[in-house]
């Protein structure tokens, strides 16, 4: 959280000769941690993986301008060329309201945008897909919401295991891509269960 905290931690780790890896939050190239192994999301592969799970073709996709969501949305669009990408700020309420009558399927590459509009879209009978995992989304799946179709999830648990392996094996940088899609039909999948437990939904 910020260059000063990052630098302080890096300096302490280096002084104590403690190996460091970075998970899913890349640091600036000028950071003392810049040469450490990094494990995060390949956002292009994430967008392609999402497109493979969405049945519709004529889609409104929402992505924050200051996030990897843009990369995901562009990759998604290569497989779903009739997708219209809407770049939004911290909320997408006004943007969704403006086009809610034009689409039946809405994809969100930043879950916080969907949190703000999920009730509105559900009431309008629109299909919803999201990339990020939020407690509200797990509730929708567990409760069987008809219009909430699923979540593309980053396997942060696998990232953590790979990061540990990197420390033990002195590995270089590497990326992990999302490995599973959560729907109401696979809530007992071994990949999904840790997420449910983390959010106290199991």
Protein backbone atom coordinates (compact mmCIF):
# COMPACT_ATOMS: atom_id res chain seq x y z
CA UNK A 1 0.00 0.00 0.00
CA UNK A 2 2.20 2.76 -1.26
CA UNK A 3 5.84 3.18 -2.09
CA UNK A 4 6.98 4.07 1.44
CA UNK A 5 5.46 0.99 3.05
CA UNK A 6 6.68 -1.14 0.18
CA UNK A 7 10.22 0.18 0.45
CA UNK A 8 10.27 -0.30 4.22
CA UNK A 9 9.17 -3.92 3.94
CA UNK A 10 11.62 -4.58 1.12
CA UNK A 11 14.52 -3.10 3.04
CA UNK A 12 13.72 -5.19 6.11
CA UNK A 13 13.34 -8.37 4.09
CA UNK A 14 16.61 -7.80 2.28
CA UNK A 15 18.42 -7.05 5.52
CA UNK A 16 17.17 -10.33 6.98
CA UNK A 17 17.78 -12.23 3.71
CA UNK A 18 14.12 -13.24 3.52
CA UNK A 19 12.90 -14.26 0.04
CA UNK A 20 10.00 -12.14 -1.24
CA UNK A 21 7.33 -12.82 -3.87
CA UNK A 22 4.50 -10.57 -5.00
CA UNK A 23 0.97 -11.83 -5.56
CA UNK A 24 -1.54 -10.11 -7.85
CA UNK A 25 -0.48 -6.52 -7.14
CA UNK A 26 2.45 -5.61 -9.39
CA UNK A 27 4.87 -3.00 -8.08
CA UNK A 28 6.46 -0.08 -9.89
CA UNK A 29 9.66 -0.80 -11.80
CA UNK A 30 11.49 1.60 -9.47
CA UNK A 31 10.45 -0.34 -6.38
CA UNK A 32 13.02 -2.26 -4.34
CA UNK A 33 10.72 -5.24 -4.91
CA UNK A 34 10.71 -4.92 -8.71
CA UNK A 35 13.04 -7.90 -9.22
CA UNK A 36 11.06 -10.25 -6.98
CA UNK A 37 9.02 -13.07 -8.52
CA UNK A 38 5.48 -11.97 -9.34
CA UNK A 39 2.35 -14.09 -9.66
CA UNK A 40 -0.82 -12.46 -10.92
CA UNK A 41 -3.51 -12.61 -13.55
CA UNK A 42 -2.76 -12.72 -17.24
CA UNK A 43 -5.56 -10.32 -18.09
CA UNK A 44 -5.69 -11.23 -21.77
CA UNK A 45 -6.17 -14.89 -20.92
CA UNK A 46 -8.70 -13.86 -18.28
CA UNK A 47 -10.81 -12.03 -20.87
CA UNK A 48 -10.67 -14.98 -23.25
CA UNK A 49 -11.62 -17.38 -20.47
CA UNK A 50 -14.60 -15.20 -19.58
CA UNK A 51 -15.76 -15.06 -23.20
CA UNK A 52 -15.69 -18.84 -23.33
CA UNK A 53 -18.16 -18.99 -20.44
CA UNK A 54 -20.68 -16.38 -21.66
CA UNK A 55 -23.32 -17.83 -23.98
CA UNK A 56 -24.58 -14.53 -25.41
CA UNK A 57 -22.99 -12.53 -28.23
CA UNK A 58 -24.62 -9.07 -28.09
CA UNK A 59 -23.22 -7.89 -24.76
CA UNK A 60 -22.58 -4.73 -22.76
CA UNK A 61 -19.20 -5.04 -21.02
CA UNK A 62 -18.13 -2.66 -18.26
CA UNK A 63 -14.53 -2.05 -17.24
CA UNK A 64 -12.87 0.58 -15.07
CA UNK A 65 -10.45 2.79 -16.95
CA UNK A 66 -7.74 2.51 -14.30
CA UNK A 67 -7.63 -1.25 -13.96
CA UNK A 68 -6.75 -4.53 -15.69
CA UNK A 69 -10.44 -4.72 -16.53
CA UNK A 70 -9.73 -2.88 -19.79
CA UNK A 71 -7.29 -5.56 -20.91
CA UNK A 72 -9.80 -8.25 -19.98
CA UNK A 73 -12.61 -6.50 -21.85
CA UNK A 74 -10.57 -6.03 -25.02
CA UNK A 75 -9.57 -9.70 -25.04
CA UNK A 76 -13.19 -10.66 -24.39
CA UNK A 77 -14.25 -8.57 -27.37
CA UNK A 78 -11.90 -10.45 -29.70
CA UNK A 79 -14.01 -13.57 -29.12
CA UNK A 80 -17.31 -11.71 -28.86
CA UNK A 81 -16.99 -8.97 -31.52
CA UNK A 82 -20.55 -7.70 -31.01
CA UNK A 83 -19.62 -6.68 -27.46
CA UNK A 84 -19.79 -2.98 -26.66
CA UNK A 85 -17.22 -1.92 -24.05
CA UNK A 86 -18.15 0.86 -21.62
CA UNK A 87 -15.33 2.42 -19.64
CA UNK A 88 -16.49 3.60 -16.22
CA UNK A 89 -15.17 5.14 -13.02
CA UNK A 90 -15.72 3.83 -9.51
CA UNK A 91 -19.41 3.18 -10.19
CA UNK A 92 -21.37 2.21 -13.27
CA UNK A 93 -24.88 3.19 -12.23
CA UNK A 94 -25.45 5.98 -14.74
CA UNK A 95 -23.74 4.08 -17.55
CA UNK A 96 -25.86 0.97 -16.97
CA UNK A 97 -29.07 3.00 -16.68
CA UNK A 98 -28.32 4.61 -20.03
CA UNK A 99 -28.19 1.27 -21.90
CA UNK A 100 -30.26 -1.06 -19.75
CA UNK A 101 -32.97 -1.34 -22.40
CA UNK A 102 -30.50 -2.05 -25.19
CA UNK A 103 -28.99 -5.32 -23.93
CA UNK A 104 -30.07 -8.53 -22.25
CA UNK A 105 -26.56 -9.55 -21.16
CA UNK A 106 -24.16 -7.51 -19.01
CA UNK A 107 -20.56 -8.46 -18.23
CA UNK A 108 -18.55 -6.70 -15.52
CA UNK A 109 -14.78 -6.94 -15.40
CA UNK A 110 -14.70 -5.12 -12.06
CA UNK A 111 -17.03 -6.60 -9.50
CA UNK A 112 -17.53 -3.38 -7.56
CA UNK A 113 -19.41 -1.95 -10.56
CA UNK A 114 -21.89 -4.81 -10.48
CA UNK A 115 -22.41 -4.48 -6.73
CA UNK A 116 -23.90 -1.04 -7.37
CA UNK A 117 -26.35 -2.17 -10.06
CA UNK A 118 -27.08 -5.84 -9.43
CA UNK A 119 -30.54 -5.24 -7.98
CA UNK A 120 -31.49 -2.93 -10.83
CA UNK A 121 -30.40 -5.45 -13.46
CA UNK A 122 -32.07 -8.34 -11.66
CA UNK A 123 -35.33 -6.42 -11.44
CA UNK A 124 -35.10 -5.71 -15.18
CA UNK A 125 -34.52 -9.40 -15.91
CA UNK A 126 -31.02 -8.92 -17.36
CA UNK A 127 -28.36 -11.64 -17.36
CA UNK A 128 -25.23 -10.74 -15.37
CA UNK A 129 -21.68 -12.10 -15.38
CA UNK A 130 -18.71 -10.81 -13.40
CA UNK A 131 -15.00 -11.36 -13.08
CA UNK A 132 -14.43 -10.62 -9.41
CA UNK A 133 -15.71 -12.53 -6.40
CA UNK A 134 -17.79 -10.55 -3.92
CA UNK A 135 -19.87 -11.82 -1.03
CA UNK A 136 -23.04 -10.52 -2.68
CA UNK A 137 -22.33 -12.57 -5.79
CA UNK A 138 -21.90 -15.78 -3.84
CA UNK A 139 -25.24 -15.05 -2.18
CA UNK A 140 -26.85 -14.72 -5.61
CA UNK A 141 -25.44 -18.06 -6.74
CA UNK A 142 -26.26 -19.92 -3.55
CA UNK A 143 -29.78 -18.52 -3.49
CA UNK A 144 -30.24 -19.45 -7.15
CA UNK A 145 -30.79 -16.01 -8.66
CA UNK A 146 -32.08 -16.67 -12.17
CA UNK A 147 -30.30 -13.74 -13.81
CA UNK A 148 -26.91 -13.91 -12.09
CA UNK A 149 -25.01 -16.39 -14.25
CA UNK A 150 -21.59 -16.70 -12.65
CA UNK A 151 -18.18 -15.45 -11.56
CA UNK A 152 -14.80 -15.82 -13.22
CA UNK A 153 -12.46 -16.29 -10.27
CA UNK A 154 -8.74 -15.81 -9.90
CA UNK A 155 -7.23 -18.81 -8.19
CA UNK A 156 -5.36 -16.82 -5.55
CA UNK A 157 -4.87 -19.96 -3.51
CA UNK A 158 -2.99 -21.56 -6.38
CA UNK A 159 -1.04 -18.32 -6.85
CA UNK A 160 0.03 -18.54 -3.22
CA UNK A 161 1.20 -22.12 -3.59
CA UNK A 162 3.13 -21.24 -6.76
CA UNK A 163 4.68 -18.29 -4.95
CA UNK A 164 5.92 -20.56 -2.18
CA UNK A 165 7.38 -22.89 -4.80
CA UNK A 166 9.09 -19.91 -6.42
CA UNK A 167 10.81 -19.02 -3.14
CA UNK A 168 11.92 -22.59 -2.59
CA UNK A 169 13.15 -23.03 -6.16
CA UNK A 170 14.53 -19.51 -6.75
CA UNK A 171 12.11 -19.18 -9.67
CA UNK A 172 11.85 -16.19 -11.95
CA UNK A 173 8.69 -14.22 -12.64
CA UNK A 174 5.56 -16.05 -13.71
CA UNK A 175 1.86 -15.44 -14.17
CA UNK A 176 -1.22 -17.43 -13.23
CA UNK A 177 -4.52 -17.16 -15.09
CA UNK A 178 -8.02 -17.67 -13.70
CA UNK A 179 -8.71 -21.37 -13.58
CA UNK A 180 -12.39 -21.76 -12.87
CA UNK A 181 -15.83 -20.27 -13.31
CA UNK A 182 -18.31 -20.36 -10.45
CA UNK A 183 -21.96 -21.09 -11.19
CA UNK A 184 -24.88 -22.39 -9.16
CA UNK A 185 -24.07 -25.85 -10.60
CA UNK A 186 -20.48 -26.21 -9.38
CA UNK A 187 -20.61 -24.90 -5.82
CA UNK A 188 -19.20 -28.23 -4.61
CA UNK A 189 -16.21 -28.09 -6.94
CA UNK A 190 -12.89 -28.44 -5.02
CA UNK A 191 -11.69 -25.17 -6.56
CA UNK A 192 -14.80 -23.31 -5.45
CA UNK A 193 -15.09 -24.58 -1.88
CA UNK A 194 -12.15 -22.48 -0.53
CA UNK A 195 -13.86 -19.33 -1.80
CA UNK A 196 -17.12 -20.26 -0.12
CA UNK A 197 -15.27 -20.99 3.10
CA UNK A 198 -13.36 -17.70 2.89
CA UNK A 199 -16.63 -15.78 2.61
CA UNK A 200 -18.23 -17.97 5.32
CA UNK A 201 -20.76 -19.33 2.83
CA UNK A 202 -19.99 -22.95 3.60
